[in-house]
C-alpha atoms as a PDB file:
ATOM      1  CA  MET A   1      46.565 277.078 116.845  1.00  0.00           C
ATOM      2  CA  ILE A   2      44.428 275.313 114.246  1.00  0.00           C
ATOM      3  CA  GLU A   3      41.537 277.341 112.866  1.00  0.00           C
ATOM      4  CA  PHE A   4      38.788 276.323 110.453  1.00  0.00           C
ATOM      5  CA  LYS A   5      36.687 279.149 109.017  1.00  0.00           C
ATOM      6  CA  HIS A   6      33.616 278.074 107.038  1.00  0.00           C
ATOM      7  CA  VAL A   7      35.515 275.093 105.631  1.00  0.00           C
ATOM      8  CA  ASP A   8      33.841 272.822 103.085  1.00  0.00           C
ATOM      9  CA  LYS A   9      35.039 269.690 101.352  1.00  0.00           C
ATOM     10  CA  VAL A  10      33.214 268.389  98.302  1.00  0.00           C
ATOM     11  CA  TYR A  11      34.644 265.287  96.630  1.00  0.00           C
ATOM     12  CA  PRO A  12      34.797 264.975  92.829  1.00  0.00           C
ATOM     13  CA  ASN A  13      31.752 262.673  92.832  1.00  0.00           C
ATOM     14  CA  GLY A  14      29.713 265.392  94.565  1.00  0.00           C
ATOM     15  CA  THR A  15      29.795 263.887  98.046  1.00  0.00           C
ATOM     16  CA  LYS A  16      30.032 266.560 100.714  1.00  0.00           C
ATOM     17  CA  GLY A  17      32.637 265.502 103.281  1.00  0.00           C
ATOM     18  CA  LEU A  18      32.603 268.685 105.362  1.00  0.00           C
ATOM     19  CA  SER A  19      30.040 271.456 105.529  1.00  0.00           C
ATOM     20  CA  ASP A  20      30.690 274.933 106.960  1.00  0.00           C
ATOM     21  CA  ILE A  21      33.191 273.828 109.623  1.00  0.00           C
ATOM     22  CA  ASN A  22      34.106 276.556 112.124  1.00  0.00           C
ATOM     23  CA  LEU A  23      36.556 275.356 114.712  1.00  0.00           C
ATOM     24  CA  THR A  24      39.519 276.547 116.773  1.00  0.00           C
ATOM     25  CA  ILE A  25      41.962 274.153 118.463  1.00  0.00           C
ATOM     26  CA  ASP A  26      44.608 275.623 120.754  1.00  0.00           C
ATOM     27  CA  GLN A  27      48.141 274.302 121.205  1.00  0.00           C
ATOM     28  CA  GLY A  28      48.306 271.452 123.707  1.00  0.00           C
ATOM     29  CA  GLU A  29      44.686 270.312 123.481  1.00  0.00           C
ATOM     30  CA  PHE A  30      43.760 266.622 123.413  1.00  0.00           C
ATOM     31  CA  VAL A  31      40.707 266.348 121.178  1.00  0.00           C
ATOM     32  CA  ALA A  32      38.572 263.358 120.229  1.00  0.00           C
ATOM     33  CA  ILE A  33      36.531 263.453 117.040  1.00  0.00           C
ATOM     34  CA  ILE A  34      33.575 261.073 117.174  1.00  0.00           C
ATOM     35  CA  GLY A  35      30.679 260.158 114.920  1.00  0.00           C
ATOM     36  CA  LEU A  36      29.286 257.455 112.673  1.00  0.00           C
ATOM     37  CA  SER A  37      31.366 255.927 109.893  1.00  0.00           C
ATOM     38  CA  GLY A  38      31.271 258.288 106.928  1.00  0.00           C
ATOM     39  CA  ALA A  39      30.393 261.300 109.075  1.00  0.00           C
ATOM     40  CA  GLY A  40      33.558 263.181 108.066  1.00  0.00           C
ATOM     41  CA  LYS A  41      35.933 262.414 110.947  1.00  0.00           C
ATOM     42  CA  SER A  42      38.850 261.270 108.799  1.00  0.00           C
ATOM     43  CA  THR A  43      38.227 264.022 106.285  1.00  0.00           C
ATOM     44  CA  LEU A  44      38.451 266.638 109.031  1.00  0.00           C
ATOM     45  CA  ILE A  45      41.818 265.579 110.428  1.00  0.00           C
ATOM     46  CA  ARG A  46      43.329 264.876 107.003  1.00  0.00           C
ATOM     47  CA  THR A  47      42.689 268.417 105.827  1.00  0.00           C
ATOM     48  CA  ILE A  48      45.101 269.648 108.519  1.00  0.00           C
ATOM     49  CA  ASN A  49      48.149 268.022 106.895  1.00  0.00           C
ATOM     50  CA  ARG A  50      46.783 268.445 103.357  1.00  0.00           C
ATOM     51  CA  MET A  51      46.265 264.748 102.737  1.00  0.00           C
ATOM     52  CA  ILE A  52      42.877 266.084 101.688  1.00  0.00           C
ATOM     53  CA  ASP A  53      42.427 269.575 100.249  1.00  0.00           C
ATOM     54  CA  VAL A  54      39.507 271.728 101.325  1.00  0.00           C
ATOM     55  CA  THR A  55      37.280 273.116  98.593  1.00  0.00           C
ATOM     56  CA  GLY A  56      35.912 276.126 100.432  1.00  0.00           C
ATOM     57  CA  GLY A  57      36.653 278.372 103.394  1.00  0.00           C
ATOM     58  CA  GLN A  58      40.009 278.831 105.088  1.00  0.00           C
ATOM     59  CA  LEU A  59      42.167 276.538 107.210  1.00  0.00           C
ATOM     60  CA  THR A  60      45.101 278.077 109.073  1.00  0.00           C
ATOM     61  CA  VAL A  61      47.696 276.556 111.393  1.00  0.00           C
ATOM     62  CA  ASP A  62      49.673 279.003 113.511  1.00  0.00           C
ATOM     63  CA  GLY A  63      48.530 281.761 111.188  1.00  0.00           C
ATOM     64  CA  THR A  64      49.617 280.021 107.982  1.00  0.00           C
ATOM     65  CA  ASP A  65      47.012 279.444 105.277  1.00  0.00           C
ATOM     66  CA  VAL A  66      47.453 275.718 104.697  1.00  0.00           C
ATOM     67  CA  MET A  67      46.071 275.796 101.163  1.00  0.00           C
ATOM     68  CA  SER A  68      48.678 278.395 100.128  1.00  0.00           C
ATOM     69  CA  LEU A  69      51.587 276.029 100.787  1.00  0.00           C
ATOM     70  CA  SER A  70      53.523 274.122  98.141  1.00  0.00           C
ATOM     71  CA  GLY A  71      56.968 272.656  97.495  1.00  0.00           C
ATOM     72  CA  LYS A  72      59.541 273.101 100.262  1.00  0.00           C
ATOM     73  CA  ALA A  73      57.163 275.180 102.371  1.00  0.00           C
ATOM     74  CA  MET A  74      54.658 272.314 102.347  1.00  0.00           C
ATOM     75  CA  ARG A  75      57.344 269.767 103.289  1.00  0.00           C
ATOM     76  CA  ARG A  76      58.549 271.938 106.175  1.00  0.00           C
ATOM     77  CA  TYR A  77      54.980 272.358 107.364  1.00  0.00           C
ATOM     78  CA  ARG A  78      54.268 268.632 107.276  1.00  0.00           C
ATOM     79  CA  ARG A  79      57.413 267.877 109.290  1.00  0.00           C
ATOM     80  CA  LYS A  80      55.694 269.455 112.291  1.00  0.00           C
ATOM     81  CA  ILE A  81      52.585 267.328 111.927  1.00  0.00           C
ATOM     82  CA  GLY A  82      52.772 263.663 112.894  1.00  0.00           C
ATOM     83  CA  MET A  83      50.270 261.178 111.478  1.00  0.00           C
ATOM     84  CA  ILE A  84      49.271 257.886 113.110  1.00  0.00           C
ATOM     85  CA  PHE A  85      47.241 255.334 111.132  1.00  0.00           C
ATOM     86  CA  GLN A  86      45.108 252.375 112.146  1.00  0.00           C
ATOM     87  CA  SER A  87      47.311 250.064 110.053  1.00  0.00           C
ATOM     88  CA  TYR A  88      50.579 251.370 111.662  1.00  0.00           C
ATOM     89  CA  ASN A  89      52.283 251.941 108.244  1.00  0.00           C
ATOM     90  CA  LEU A  90      55.527 250.293 109.321  1.00  0.00           C
ATOM     91  CA  VAL A  91      58.150 248.387 107.343  1.00  0.00           C
ATOM     92  CA  THR A  92      57.375 245.151 109.142  1.00  0.00           C
ATOM     93  CA  ARG A  93      60.582 243.363 108.094  1.00  0.00           C
ATOM     94  CA  ALA A  94      62.680 246.165 109.600  1.00  0.00           C
ATOM     95  CA  THR A  95      63.470 246.587 113.280  1.00  0.00           C
ATOM     96  CA  ALA A  96      61.639 249.035 115.508  1.00  0.00           C
ATOM     97  CA  ILE A  97      64.584 251.436 115.608  1.00  0.00           C
ATOM     98  CA  LYS A  98      64.951 251.425 111.824  1.00  0.00           C
ATOM     99  CA  ASN A  99      61.290 252.345 111.499  1.00  0.00           C
ATOM    100  CA  VAL A 100      61.755 255.207 113.948  1.00  0.00           C
ATOM    101  CA  LEU A 101      64.897 256.384 112.143  1.00  0.00           C
ATOM    102  CA  SER A 102      62.931 256.532 108.890  1.00  0.00           C
ATOM    103  CA  SER A 103      61.279 259.728 110.154  1.00  0.00           C
ATOM    104  CA  MET A 104      64.648 261.472 109.705  1.00  0.00           C
ATOM    105  CA  VAL A 105      65.049 260.491 106.043  1.00  0.00           C
ATOM    106  CA  PRO A 106      63.441 263.650 104.545  1.00  0.00           C
ATOM    107  CA  ASP A 107      66.137 265.793 106.168  1.00  0.00           C
ATOM    108  CA  MET A 108      69.092 263.658 105.071  1.00  0.00           C
ATOM    109  CA  PRO A 109      71.287 263.698 101.935  1.00  0.00           C
ATOM    110  CA  PHE A 110      70.325 260.975  99.466  1.00  0.00           C
ATOM    111  CA  TRP A 111      73.638 259.112  99.801  1.00  0.00           C
ATOM    112  CA  LYS A 112      73.188 258.767 103.550  1.00  0.00           C
ATOM    113  CA  VAL A 113      69.687 257.429 103.059  1.00  0.00           C
ATOM    114  CA  LEU A 114      70.980 254.961 100.459  1.00  0.00           C
ATOM    115  CA  LEU A 115      73.679 253.684 102.826  1.00  0.00           C
ATOM    116  CA  GLY A 116      71.536 253.874 105.961  1.00  0.00           C
ATOM    117  CA  ALA A 117      74.241 256.095 107.438  1.00  0.00           C
ATOM    118  CA  PHE A 118      72.562 257.347 110.588  1.00  0.00           C
ATOM    119  CA  SER A 119      74.717 259.112 113.145  1.00  0.00           C
ATOM    120  CA  ALA A 120      75.142 258.029 116.757  1.00  0.00           C
ATOM    121  CA  GLU A 121      73.151 261.117 117.756  1.00  0.00           C
ATOM    122  CA  GLN A 122      70.271 260.144 115.466  1.00  0.00           C
ATOM    123  CA  LYS A 123      70.243 256.600 116.827  1.00  0.00           C
ATOM    124  CA  LEU A 124      70.214 257.882 120.403  1.00  0.00           C
ATOM    125  CA  LYS A 125      67.276 260.156 119.609  1.00  0.00           C
ATOM    126  CA  ALA A 126      65.387 257.216 118.080  1.00  0.00           C
ATOM    127  CA  LEU A 127      66.051 255.120 121.175  1.00  0.00           C
ATOM    128  CA  GLU A 128      64.786 257.955 123.367  1.00  0.00           C
ATOM    129  CA  ALA A 129      61.576 258.063 121.321  1.00  0.00           C
ATOM    130  CA  LEU A 130      61.060 254.331 121.830  1.00  0.00           C
ATOM    131  CA  ASP A 131      61.707 254.799 125.537  1.00  0.00           C
ATOM    132  CA  LYS A 132      59.021 257.485 125.715  1.00  0.00           C
ATOM    133  CA  VAL A 133      56.418 254.949 124.607  1.00  0.00           C
ATOM    134  CA  GLY A 134      57.727 252.164 126.816  1.00  0.00           C
ATOM    135  CA  ILE A 135      59.241 249.780 124.262  1.00  0.00           C
ATOM    136  CA  LEU A 136      62.949 250.539 124.390  1.00  0.00           C
ATOM    137  CA  ASP A 137      63.556 246.832 124.946  1.00  0.00           C
ATOM    138  CA  LYS A 138      62.015 246.107 121.510  1.00  0.00           C
ATOM    139  CA  ALA A 139      64.365 248.453 119.605  1.00  0.00           C
ATOM    140  CA  TYR A 140      66.213 245.732 117.683  1.00  0.00           C
ATOM    141  CA  ILE A 141      63.281 243.377 117.131  1.00  0.00           C
ATOM    142  CA  ARG A 142      61.605 243.184 113.726  1.00  0.00           C
ATOM    143  CA  CYS A 143      58.169 244.785 113.698  1.00  0.00           C
ATOM    144  CA  ASP A 144      56.508 241.675 112.295  1.00  0.00           C
ATOM    145  CA  GLN A 145      57.443 239.980 115.576  1.00  0.00           C
ATOM    146  CA  LEU A 146      55.697 242.616 117.683  1.00  0.00           C
ATOM    147  CA  SER A 147      52.086 242.689 118.865  1.00  0.00           C
ATOM    148  CA  GLY A 148      49.614 245.157 117.376  1.00  0.00           C
ATOM    149  CA  GLY A 149      49.899 247.420 120.399  1.00  0.00           C
ATOM    150  CA  GLN A 150      53.686 247.378 120.235  1.00  0.00           C
ATOM    151  CA  GLN A 151      53.604 248.176 116.515  1.00  0.00           C
ATOM    152  CA  GLN A 152      51.328 251.152 117.162  1.00  0.00           C
ATOM    153  CA  ARG A 153      53.787 252.348 119.793  1.00  0.00           C
ATOM    154  CA  VAL A 154      56.610 252.101 117.245  1.00  0.00           C
ATOM    155  CA  SER A 155      54.459 254.230 114.944  1.00  0.00           C
ATOM    156  CA  LEU A 156      53.983 256.751 117.748  1.00  0.00           C
ATOM    157  CA  ALA A 157      57.732 256.760 118.510  1.00  0.00           C
ATOM    158  CA  ARG A 158      58.471 257.379 114.821  1.00  0.00           C
ATOM    159  CA  THR A 159      56.146 260.366 114.916  1.00  0.00           C
ATOM    160  CA  LEU A 160      57.695 261.723 118.120  1.00  0.00           C
ATOM    161  CA  ASN A 161      61.112 261.442 116.495  1.00  0.00           C
ATOM    162  CA  GLN A 162      60.210 264.169 114.003  1.00  0.00           C
ATOM    163  CA  ASP A 163      59.517 266.654 116.859  1.00  0.00           C
ATOM    164  CA  PRO A 164      55.914 267.426 115.932  1.00  0.00           C
ATOM    165  CA  THR A 165      53.788 270.174 117.420  1.00  0.00           C
ATOM    166  CA  ILE A 166      50.619 268.382 116.271  1.00  0.00           C
ATOM    167  CA  ILE A 167      49.780 264.672 116.137  1.00  0.00           C
ATOM    168  CA  LEU A 168      46.846 263.487 114.021  1.00  0.00           C
ATOM    169  CA  ALA A 169      45.628 259.965 114.753  1.00  0.00           C
ATOM    170  CA  ASP A 170      43.144 258.251 112.433  1.00  0.00           C
ATOM    171  CA  GLU A 171      41.479 255.390 114.344  1.00  0.00           C
ATOM    172  CA  PRO A 172      44.771 254.487 116.097  1.00  0.00           C
ATOM    173  CA  VAL A 173      43.275 251.847 118.416  1.00  0.00           C
ATOM    174  CA  ALA A 174      40.521 250.412 116.226  1.00  0.00           C
ATOM    175  CA  ALA A 175      42.506 247.232 115.487  1.00  0.00           C
ATOM    176  CA  LEU A 176      43.570 246.656 119.106  1.00  0.00           C
ATOM    177  CA  ASP A 177      41.968 244.629 121.888  1.00  0.00           C
ATOM    178  CA  PRO A 178      40.331 246.688 124.681  1.00  0.00           C
ATOM    179  CA  VAL A 179      43.197 246.332 127.175  1.00  0.00           C
ATOM    180  CA  THR A 180      45.858 247.326 124.645  1.00  0.00           C
ATOM    181  CA  ALA A 181      43.648 250.154 123.353  1.00  0.00           C
ATOM    182  CA  HIS A 182      43.573 251.641 126.847  1.00  0.00           C
ATOM    183  CA  GLN A 183      47.356 251.367 127.105  1.00  0.00           C
ATOM    184  CA  VAL A 184      47.920 253.160 123.794  1.00  0.00           C
ATOM    185  CA  MET A 185      45.402 255.878 124.671  1.00  0.00           C
ATOM    186  CA  ALA A 186      47.256 256.378 127.952  1.00  0.00           C
ATOM    187  CA  ASP A 187      50.455 256.884 125.917  1.00  0.00           C
ATOM    188  CA  PHE A 188      48.746 259.582 123.843  1.00  0.00           C
ATOM    189  CA  LYS A 189      47.468 261.319 126.981  1.00  0.00           C
ATOM    190  CA  ARG A 190      50.864 261.263 128.681  1.00  0.00           C
ATOM    191  CA  ILE A 191      52.640 262.609 125.593  1.00  0.00           C
ATOM    192  CA  ASN A 192      50.018 265.327 125.233  1.00  0.00           C
ATOM    193  CA  GLN A 193      50.441 266.417 128.836  1.00  0.00           C
ATOM    194  CA  GLU A 194      54.207 266.078 129.173  1.00  0.00           C
ATOM    195  CA  MET A 195      55.209 267.484 125.777  1.00  0.00           C
ATOM    196  CA  ASN A 196      52.360 269.945 125.134  1.00  0.00           C
ATOM    197  CA  ILE A 197      51.738 268.390 121.723  1.00  0.00           C
ATOM    198  CA  THR A 198      48.297 269.010 120.247  1.00  0.00           C
ATOM    199  CA  VAL A 199      46.626 265.627 119.673  1.00  0.00           C
ATOM    200  CA  LEU A 200      43.558 265.100 117.476  1.00  0.00           C
ATOM    201  CA  ILE A 201      42.173 261.588 117.466  1.00  0.00           C
ATOM    202  CA  ASN A 202      39.483 260.318 115.145  1.00  0.00           C
ATOM    203  CA  ILE A 203      38.164 257.529 117.347  1.00  0.00           C
ATOM    204  CA  HIS A 204      35.438 254.917 116.993  1.00  0.00           C
ATOM    205  CA  HIS A 205      35.156 253.964 120.663  1.00  0.00           C
ATOM    206  CA  VAL A 206      33.320 256.674 122.569  1.00  0.00           C
ATOM    207  CA  ASP A 207      34.204 255.305 126.013  1.00  0.00           C
ATOM    208  CA  LEU A 208      37.910 255.703 125.227  1.00  0.00           C
ATOM    209  CA  ALA A 209      37.351 259.253 123.986  1.00  0.00           C
ATOM    210  CA  LEU A 210      35.567 260.177 127.207  1.00  0.00           C
ATOM    211  CA  ALA A 211      38.162 258.459 129.406  1.00  0.00           C
ATOM    212  CA  TYR A 212      41.291 260.050 127.936  1.00  0.00           C
ATOM    213  CA  CYS A 213      40.553 263.180 125.915  1.00  0.00           C
ATOM    214  CA  THR A 214      39.695 266.591 127.323  1.00  0.00           C
ATOM    215  CA  ARG A 215      37.510 267.817 124.472  1.00  0.00           C
ATOM    216  CA  VAL A 216      35.041 266.088 122.180  1.00  0.00           C
ATOM    217  CA  ILE A 217      33.937 267.152 118.717  1.00  0.00           C
ATOM    218  CA  GLY A 218      30.921 265.292 117.379  1.00  0.00           C
ATOM    219  CA  ILE A 219      30.381 265.168 113.609  1.00  0.00           C
ATOM    220  CA  ARG A 220      27.279 264.072 111.760  1.00  0.00           C
ATOM    221  CA  ALA A 221      26.941 264.200 107.967  1.00  0.00           C
ATOM    222  CA  GLY A 222      29.935 266.523 107.646  1.00  0.00           C
ATOM    223  CA  LYS A 223      28.689 269.041 110.210  1.00  0.00           C
ATOM    224  CA  ILE A 224      29.780 269.693 113.779  1.00  0.00           C
ATOM    225  CA  VAL A 225      26.843 268.944 116.070  1.00  0.00           C
ATOM    226  CA  TYR A 226      28.742 269.091 119.365  1.00  0.00           C
ATOM    227  CA  ASP A 227      31.967 270.683 120.559  1.00  0.00           C
ATOM    228  CA  GLY A 228      32.781 270.868 124.243  1.00  0.00           C
ATOM    229  CA  PRO A 229      34.579 269.466 127.280  1.00  0.00           C
ATOM    230  CA  THR A 230      34.510 265.710 127.743  1.00  0.00           C
ATOM    231  CA  GLU A 231      32.762 265.976 131.106  1.00  0.00           C
ATOM    232  CA  THR A 232      29.725 267.726 129.606  1.00  0.00           C
ATOM    233  CA  VAL A 233      28.942 264.927 127.131  1.00  0.00           C
ATOM    234  CA  THR A 234      25.558 263.398 127.962  1.00  0.00           C
ATOM    235  CA  GLN A 235      23.525 260.555 126.492  1.00  0.00           C
ATOM    236  CA  GLU A 236      21.292 263.127 124.841  1.00  0.00           C
ATOM    237  CA  ILE A 237      24.328 264.647 123.079  1.00  0.00           C
ATOM    238  CA  LEU A 238      25.517 261.192 121.969  1.00  0.00           C
ATOM    239  CA  ASP A 239      22.045 260.458 120.591  1.00  0.00           C
ATOM    240  CA  GLU A 240      22.287 263.627 118.520  1.00  0.00           C
ATOM    241  CA  ILE A 241      25.750 262.726 117.203  1.00  0.00           C
ATOM    242  CA  TYR A 242      24.818 259.123 116.402  1.00  0.00           C
ATOM    243  CA  GLY A 243      21.211 259.691 115.381  1.00  0.00           C
ATOM    244  CA  GLY A 244      19.934 257.329 118.042  1.00  0.00           C
ATOM    245  CA  ALA A 245      22.105 254.452 116.830  1.00  0.00           C
ATOM    246  CA  THR A 246      24.037 252.314 119.318  1.00  0.00           C
ATOM    247  CA  VAL A 247      27.041 254.247 120.581  1.00  0.00           C
ATOM    248  CA  PRO A 248      30.202 252.207 119.854  1.00  0.00           C
ATOM    249  CA  THR A 249      32.477 251.356 122.769  1.00  0.00           C
ATOM    250  CA  ALA A 250      35.640 249.291 123.125  1.00  0.00           C
ATOM    251  CA  GLY A 251      34.696 245.695 122.439  1.00  0.00           C
ATOM    252  CA  THR A 252      31.621 246.561 120.359  1.00  0.00           C
END
């Protein structure tokens, strides 16, 4: 369970990224975080894996105070939290399977990393991860030869390979065409349902959030202005989240 209690984030320049966030996310939820650019969506999800430190309040994950962690305890904690980026963050000149295997590097002796000495068991696990996202046939193809959607699936497979309990996704389909975006969102939904992995997606396209996620959190100016089931989201609620601005959808 992820729990925010009166969490604030103030950046060094004085900008307030989050303001008095109170939020509980249970294991296995599939949550979309929506709002205007600069509203605090990325800040919110990046506090969970300590890419961004909170400056007030308390953030706990499974009862652990995240801000109390350091050193080995922090590394162990982060191993259970996968992170998916808009830009994929792959080694594009390496094959898909090598990118997936890279998720195992933190747990390996340095000499094995240096030699790329992955065991048959590790390779099989990496292949299984690629199979889970439907691109097993691309395992030995360089990532710079894959489409954007295929590269994002490699990124997702790499995350699955570290056996996470939580996946954080920061605009994972923003760079994809509408058809591919739907396919990748369907992958997230299936993984969430089949593996009971908590998924939090910071997403620009509201129609995709409503089509695939089960819960929506709307943020405006660092504050939560809506939190509820997807099916209860109305145009009036969207107007409050977006301040009357045009609500972004896939293709806009």
